[in-house]
């Protein structure tokens, strides 16, 4: 049944392609272009001026993310869906094993009122939560930036420090090692425990593993994913007696998390 289903799918695909090709040919013979292909103009990587993004081959950049200009992404790092990294006025450097989660914005500044040159530098194994904004700042290795946090020009977050979700860190603020800062404006809340600081490294590793699964799925061709959809519909109609080719029902071993670690669950401030 699997072979027959694949054959039917291939024949249907080529019939549809032939019909579209004939429609385009007919439109051209009539002297106009009634049929237009709708192609996405989105480019995840885009050069700007004389600079272009540099992404390590082991890094994951989601198809809806945007990396523009002077942006460098290290190995095993991940840039998730809807992120914008805009290295137009200065450079953005992201280390290894770091994750910039969905809808986050990373930008730079040519200079600020004090005249400082402000690239954005993010170290190794850093977690940047969903919808965070980082502007001309530095975040050291294994730090944790909570969801919706904003870091303004000149902010410096030291290793194993945490900026709580929703915090606004004002210009030129330094967040010391092992401390949690939160609020608007952000201020010192408490010291982190050793277990919490260990969690930061685990969080980064979790996202590196998860990114591999997303990269594999995004690498699939359109006809392959469409074929799996067809088989899933057939299996839904006929029950579990038909195996769904290409589907994965179990979590890959490398994504199984320890009992005490939950993805996206940061220590409370």
Protein backbone atom coordinates (compact mmCIF):
# COMPACT_ATOMS: atom_id res chain seq x y z
CA UNK A 1 0.00 0.00 0.00
CA UNK A 2 2.85 2.36 0.74
CA UNK A 3 4.35 1.90 -2.74
CA UNK A 4 0.96 2.36 -4.42
CA UNK A 5 0.24 5.49 -2.40
CA UNK A 6 3.58 7.00 -3.36
CA UNK A 7 2.90 6.22 -7.03
CA UNK A 8 -0.52 7.90 -6.93
CA UNK A 9 1.00 10.94 -5.23
CA UNK A 10 3.77 11.25 -7.85
CA UNK A 11 1.27 10.98 -10.75
CA UNK A 12 -0.98 13.61 -9.17
CA UNK A 13 1.98 15.91 -8.61
CA UNK A 14 3.07 15.76 -12.25
CA UNK A 15 -0.49 16.27 -13.53
CA UNK A 16 -0.77 19.43 -11.47
CA UNK A 17 2.65 20.64 -12.63
CA UNK A 18 1.70 19.99 -16.26
CA UNK A 19 -1.53 21.94 -15.84
CA UNK A 20 0.27 24.94 -14.37
CA UNK A 21 2.88 24.85 -17.14
CA UNK A 22 0.15 24.81 -19.82
CA UNK A 23 -1.62 27.72 -18.11
CA UNK A 24 1.57 29.78 -18.17
CA UNK A 25 2.21 28.91 -21.83
CA UNK A 26 -1.32 29.88 -22.80
CA UNK A 27 -1.02 33.20 -20.99
CA UNK A 28 2.21 34.02 -22.82
CA UNK A 29 0.69 33.12 -26.20
CA UNK A 30 -2.15 35.53 -25.42
CA UNK A 31 0.42 38.26 -24.80
CA UNK A 32 -0.06 38.65 -21.07
CA UNK A 33 0.90 37.01 -17.80
CA UNK A 34 -2.35 36.18 -16.06
CA UNK A 35 -0.63 33.44 -14.10
CA UNK A 36 1.95 34.68 -11.60
CA UNK A 37 3.98 32.58 -9.20
CA UNK A 38 3.82 33.96 -5.66
CA UNK A 39 7.35 33.65 -4.29
CA UNK A 40 8.43 34.72 -0.84
CA UNK A 41 10.90 37.61 -0.95
CA UNK A 42 12.06 36.91 2.57
CA UNK A 43 15.77 36.17 2.91
CA UNK A 44 17.03 34.89 6.26
CA UNK A 45 20.54 36.13 5.43
CA UNK A 46 21.00 39.49 3.73
CA UNK A 47 24.10 41.53 2.95
CA UNK A 48 24.09 45.22 3.76
CA UNK A 49 26.62 47.76 2.55
CA UNK A 50 29.88 45.75 2.34
CA UNK A 51 29.03 43.28 5.13
CA UNK A 52 27.20 39.96 5.16
CA UNK A 53 26.15 37.51 7.87
CA UNK A 54 28.55 34.70 8.80
CA UNK A 55 26.80 31.63 10.21
CA UNK A 56 28.61 28.48 11.33
CA UNK A 57 27.52 25.37 9.42
CA UNK A 58 26.35 23.74 12.70
CA UNK A 59 24.14 26.68 13.68
CA UNK A 60 20.38 26.82 13.08
CA UNK A 61 18.69 29.88 11.60
CA UNK A 62 14.92 29.57 11.35
CA UNK A 63 13.50 30.34 7.88
CA UNK A 64 11.47 33.29 9.21
CA UNK A 65 14.43 34.88 11.03
CA UNK A 66 16.35 37.83 9.54
CA UNK A 67 20.11 38.33 9.85
CA UNK A 68 21.25 41.54 8.18
CA UNK A 69 24.73 42.95 7.73
CA UNK A 70 27.67 42.35 10.05
CA UNK A 71 26.35 39.38 12.06
CA UNK A 72 28.43 36.40 13.23
CA UNK A 73 26.81 33.25 14.68
CA UNK A 74 28.93 30.51 16.28
CA UNK A 75 28.64 26.73 16.20
CA UNK A 76 25.59 24.98 17.73
CA UNK A 77 23.84 28.31 18.24
CA UNK A 78 20.22 28.80 17.21
CA UNK A 79 18.30 31.82 15.94
CA UNK A 80 14.60 31.06 16.24
CA UNK A 81 11.46 32.02 14.33
CA UNK A 82 10.74 35.70 13.86
CA UNK A 83 14.05 36.96 15.24
CA UNK A 84 15.74 40.01 13.75
CA UNK A 85 19.51 40.52 14.11
CA UNK A 86 20.30 43.82 12.44
CA UNK A 87 24.03 44.50 12.16
CA UNK A 88 23.81 47.62 10.04
CA UNK A 89 25.48 50.37 12.07
CA UNK A 90 27.84 48.04 13.93
CA UNK A 91 28.55 44.34 14.46
CA UNK A 92 26.69 41.55 16.24
CA UNK A 93 28.73 38.60 17.53
CA UNK A 94 27.08 35.49 18.98
CA UNK A 95 29.20 32.71 20.47
CA UNK A 96 28.73 28.95 20.46
CA UNK A 97 25.75 27.09 21.88
CA UNK A 98 23.70 30.25 22.37
CA UNK A 99 19.98 30.48 21.64
CA UNK A 100 18.11 33.62 20.59
CA UNK A 101 14.48 32.65 21.02
CA UNK A 102 11.43 33.52 18.94
CA UNK A 103 10.64 37.16 18.07
CA UNK A 104 13.71 38.59 19.79
CA UNK A 105 15.46 41.69 18.42
CA UNK A 106 19.21 42.24 18.53
CA UNK A 107 20.50 45.61 17.29
CA UNK A 108 23.58 47.81 17.60
CA UNK A 109 24.51 51.47 17.79
CA UNK A 110 27.13 53.48 15.94
CA UNK A 111 27.59 55.54 19.10
CA UNK A 112 25.55 56.92 21.99
CA UNK A 113 25.57 60.22 23.87
CA UNK A 114 28.82 59.30 25.60
CA UNK A 115 30.47 58.62 22.22
CA UNK A 116 31.02 54.90 22.84
CA UNK A 117 31.04 52.43 19.94
CA UNK A 118 28.36 49.88 20.74
CA UNK A 119 28.37 46.52 19.00
CA UNK A 120 26.33 43.72 20.56
CA UNK A 121 28.37 40.80 21.88
CA UNK A 122 26.70 37.66 23.22
CA UNK A 123 28.93 34.91 24.61
CA UNK A 124 28.76 31.12 24.66
CA UNK A 125 25.83 29.08 26.02
CA UNK A 126 23.63 32.10 26.61
CA UNK A 127 19.84 31.83 26.68
CA UNK A 128 17.89 34.84 25.38
CA UNK A 129 14.18 34.37 26.03
CA UNK A 130 11.30 35.03 23.65
CA UNK A 131 10.70 38.64 22.54
CA UNK A 132 13.74 40.07 24.29
CA UNK A 133 15.37 43.26 22.97
CA UNK A 134 19.17 43.66 23.10
CA UNK A 135 20.59 46.99 21.93
CA UNK A 136 24.33 47.69 21.83
CA UNK A 137 25.10 45.55 24.90
CA UNK A 138 27.38 42.74 26.08
CA UNK A 139 26.23 39.44 27.60
CA UNK A 140 28.93 37.11 28.92
CA UNK A 141 28.99 33.29 28.77
CA UNK A 142 26.21 31.24 30.39
CA UNK A 143 24.08 34.24 31.30
CA UNK A 144 20.27 34.14 31.12
CA UNK A 145 18.05 36.85 29.64
CA UNK A 146 14.38 36.33 30.47
CA UNK A 147 11.41 36.63 28.12
CA UNK A 148 10.50 40.17 27.12
CA UNK A 149 13.54 41.73 28.82
CA UNK A 150 15.09 44.88 27.33
CA UNK A 151 18.81 45.68 27.54
CA UNK A 152 19.68 49.21 26.44
CA UNK A 153 22.92 50.77 25.16
CA UNK A 154 26.04 49.90 27.12
CA UNK A 155 24.50 47.27 29.40
CA UNK A 156 26.97 44.60 30.54
CA UNK A 157 25.65 41.27 31.89
CA UNK A 158 28.37 39.20 33.55
CA UNK A 159 28.74 35.40 33.45
CA UNK A 160 26.06 33.41 35.32
CA UNK A 161 23.95 36.53 35.82
CA UNK A 162 20.23 36.68 35.10
CA UNK A 163 17.93 39.42 33.84
CA UNK A 164 14.38 38.51 34.84
CA UNK A 165 11.48 38.37 32.38
CA UNK A 166 10.07 41.77 31.46
CA UNK A 167 12.93 43.72 33.03
CA UNK A 168 14.19 47.02 31.60
CA UNK A 169 17.93 47.42 32.15
CA UNK A 170 18.93 51.07 31.74
CA UNK A 171 21.90 52.36 29.76
CA UNK A 172 25.41 51.49 30.99
CA UNK A 173 24.14 49.25 33.82
CA UNK A 174 26.33 46.34 34.88
CA UNK A 175 24.67 43.16 36.15
CA UNK A 176 27.26 41.34 38.31
CA UNK A 177 28.11 37.63 38.38
CA UNK A 178 25.56 35.38 40.06
CA UNK A 179 22.86 38.02 40.57
CA UNK A 180 19.23 38.32 39.47
CA UNK A 181 18.06 41.74 38.32
CA UNK A 182 14.46 42.57 37.51
CA UNK A 183 11.86 45.30 37.36
CA UNK A 184 11.50 48.61 35.50
CA UNK A 185 14.06 50.01 35.88
CA UNK A 186 15.93 46.81 36.70
CA UNK A 187 17.55 46.51 40.13
CA UNK A 188 19.23 43.82 42.20
CA UNK A 189 16.75 41.24 43.52
CA UNK A 190 18.81 38.39 44.98
CA UNK A 191 21.76 36.03 44.52
CA UNK A 192 21.46 32.93 42.34
CA UNK A 193 21.99 29.47 43.78
CA UNK A 194 24.55 27.05 42.35
CA UNK A 195 21.73 24.87 40.98
CA UNK A 196 20.21 27.84 39.16
CA UNK A 197 23.52 28.76 37.57
CA UNK A 198 23.98 25.14 36.48
CA UNK A 199 20.53 25.30 34.87
CA UNK A 200 21.73 28.07 32.52
CA UNK A 201 24.18 25.70 30.83
CA UNK A 202 21.54 22.95 30.66
CA UNK A 203 19.03 25.35 29.13
CA UNK A 204 21.46 26.25 26.36
CA UNK A 205 22.20 22.56 25.71
CA UNK A 206 18.47 21.76 25.56
CA UNK A 207 17.96 24.38 22.88
CA UNK A 208 20.97 23.22 20.88
CA UNK A 209 19.49 19.71 20.78
CA UNK A 210 16.02 20.98 19.94
CA UNK A 211 17.43 23.11 17.13
CA UNK A 212 18.78 19.98 15.43
CA UNK A 213 15.25 18.58 15.16
CA UNK A 214 13.95 21.86 13.73
CA UNK A 215 16.84 22.04 11.26
CA UNK A 216 16.11 18.52 10.02
CA UNK A 217 12.43 19.27 9.54
CA UNK A 218 13.11 22.55 7.73
CA UNK A 219 15.55 20.79 5.41
CA UNK A 220 12.81 18.55 4.03
CA UNK A 221 11.55 19.22 0.50
CA UNK A 222 7.99 20.35 -0.10
CA UNK A 223 6.97 17.20 -1.97
CA UNK A 224 8.28 15.07 0.91
CA UNK A 225 6.22 16.90 3.53
CA UNK A 226 3.13 16.86 1.31
CA UNK A 227 3.51 13.11 0.82
CA UNK A 228 3.62 12.57 4.58
CA UNK A 229 0.39 14.60 4.91
CA UNK A 230 -1.31 12.33 2.38
CA UNK A 231 -0.23 9.21 4.26
CA UNK A 232 -1.39 10.65 7.57
CA UNK A 233 -4.85 11.25 6.13
CA UNK A 234 -4.95 7.66 4.87
CA UNK A 235 -3.86 6.28 8.23
CA UNK A 236 -6.51 8.40 10.00
CA UNK A 237 -9.19 6.83 7.80
CA UNK A 238 -7.92 3.26 8.09
CA UNK A 239 -6.67 3.28 11.66
CA UNK A 240 -3.27 2.37 13.03
CA UNK A 241 -2.85 -0.63 10.72
CA UNK A 242 -1.12 1.66 8.22
CA UNK A 243 2.23 3.04 9.31
CA UNK A 244 2.89 6.70 8.51
CA UNK A 245 6.12 6.95 6.59
CA UNK A 246 8.39 9.74 7.76
CA UNK A 247 6.52 10.52 10.97
CA UNK A 248 8.24 10.41 14.35
CA UNK A 249 6.10 9.39 17.31
CA UNK A 250 8.78 9.26 19.97
CA UNK A 251 10.95 12.04 21.28
CA UNK A 252 14.57 11.57 20.08
CA UNK A 253 16.82 10.35 22.85
CA UNK A 254 18.99 13.44 22.74
CA UNK A 255 15.94 15.63 23.46
CA UNK A 256 14.86 13.71 26.59
CA UNK A 257 15.42 16.15 29.42
CA UNK A 258 16.39 15.37 33.01
CA UNK A 259 13.47 15.16 35.45
CA UNK A 260 14.54 18.35 37.17
CA UNK A 261 14.98 20.39 33.99
CA UNK A 262 12.07 21.70 31.94
CA UNK A 263 12.60 23.46 28.67
CA UNK A 264 11.92 27.18 28.89
CA UNK A 265 11.41 27.02 32.66
CA UNK A 266 13.83 29.51 34.16
CA UNK A 267 14.49 29.97 37.87
CA UNK A 268 12.12 32.42 39.44
CA UNK A 269 13.45 35.84 40.27
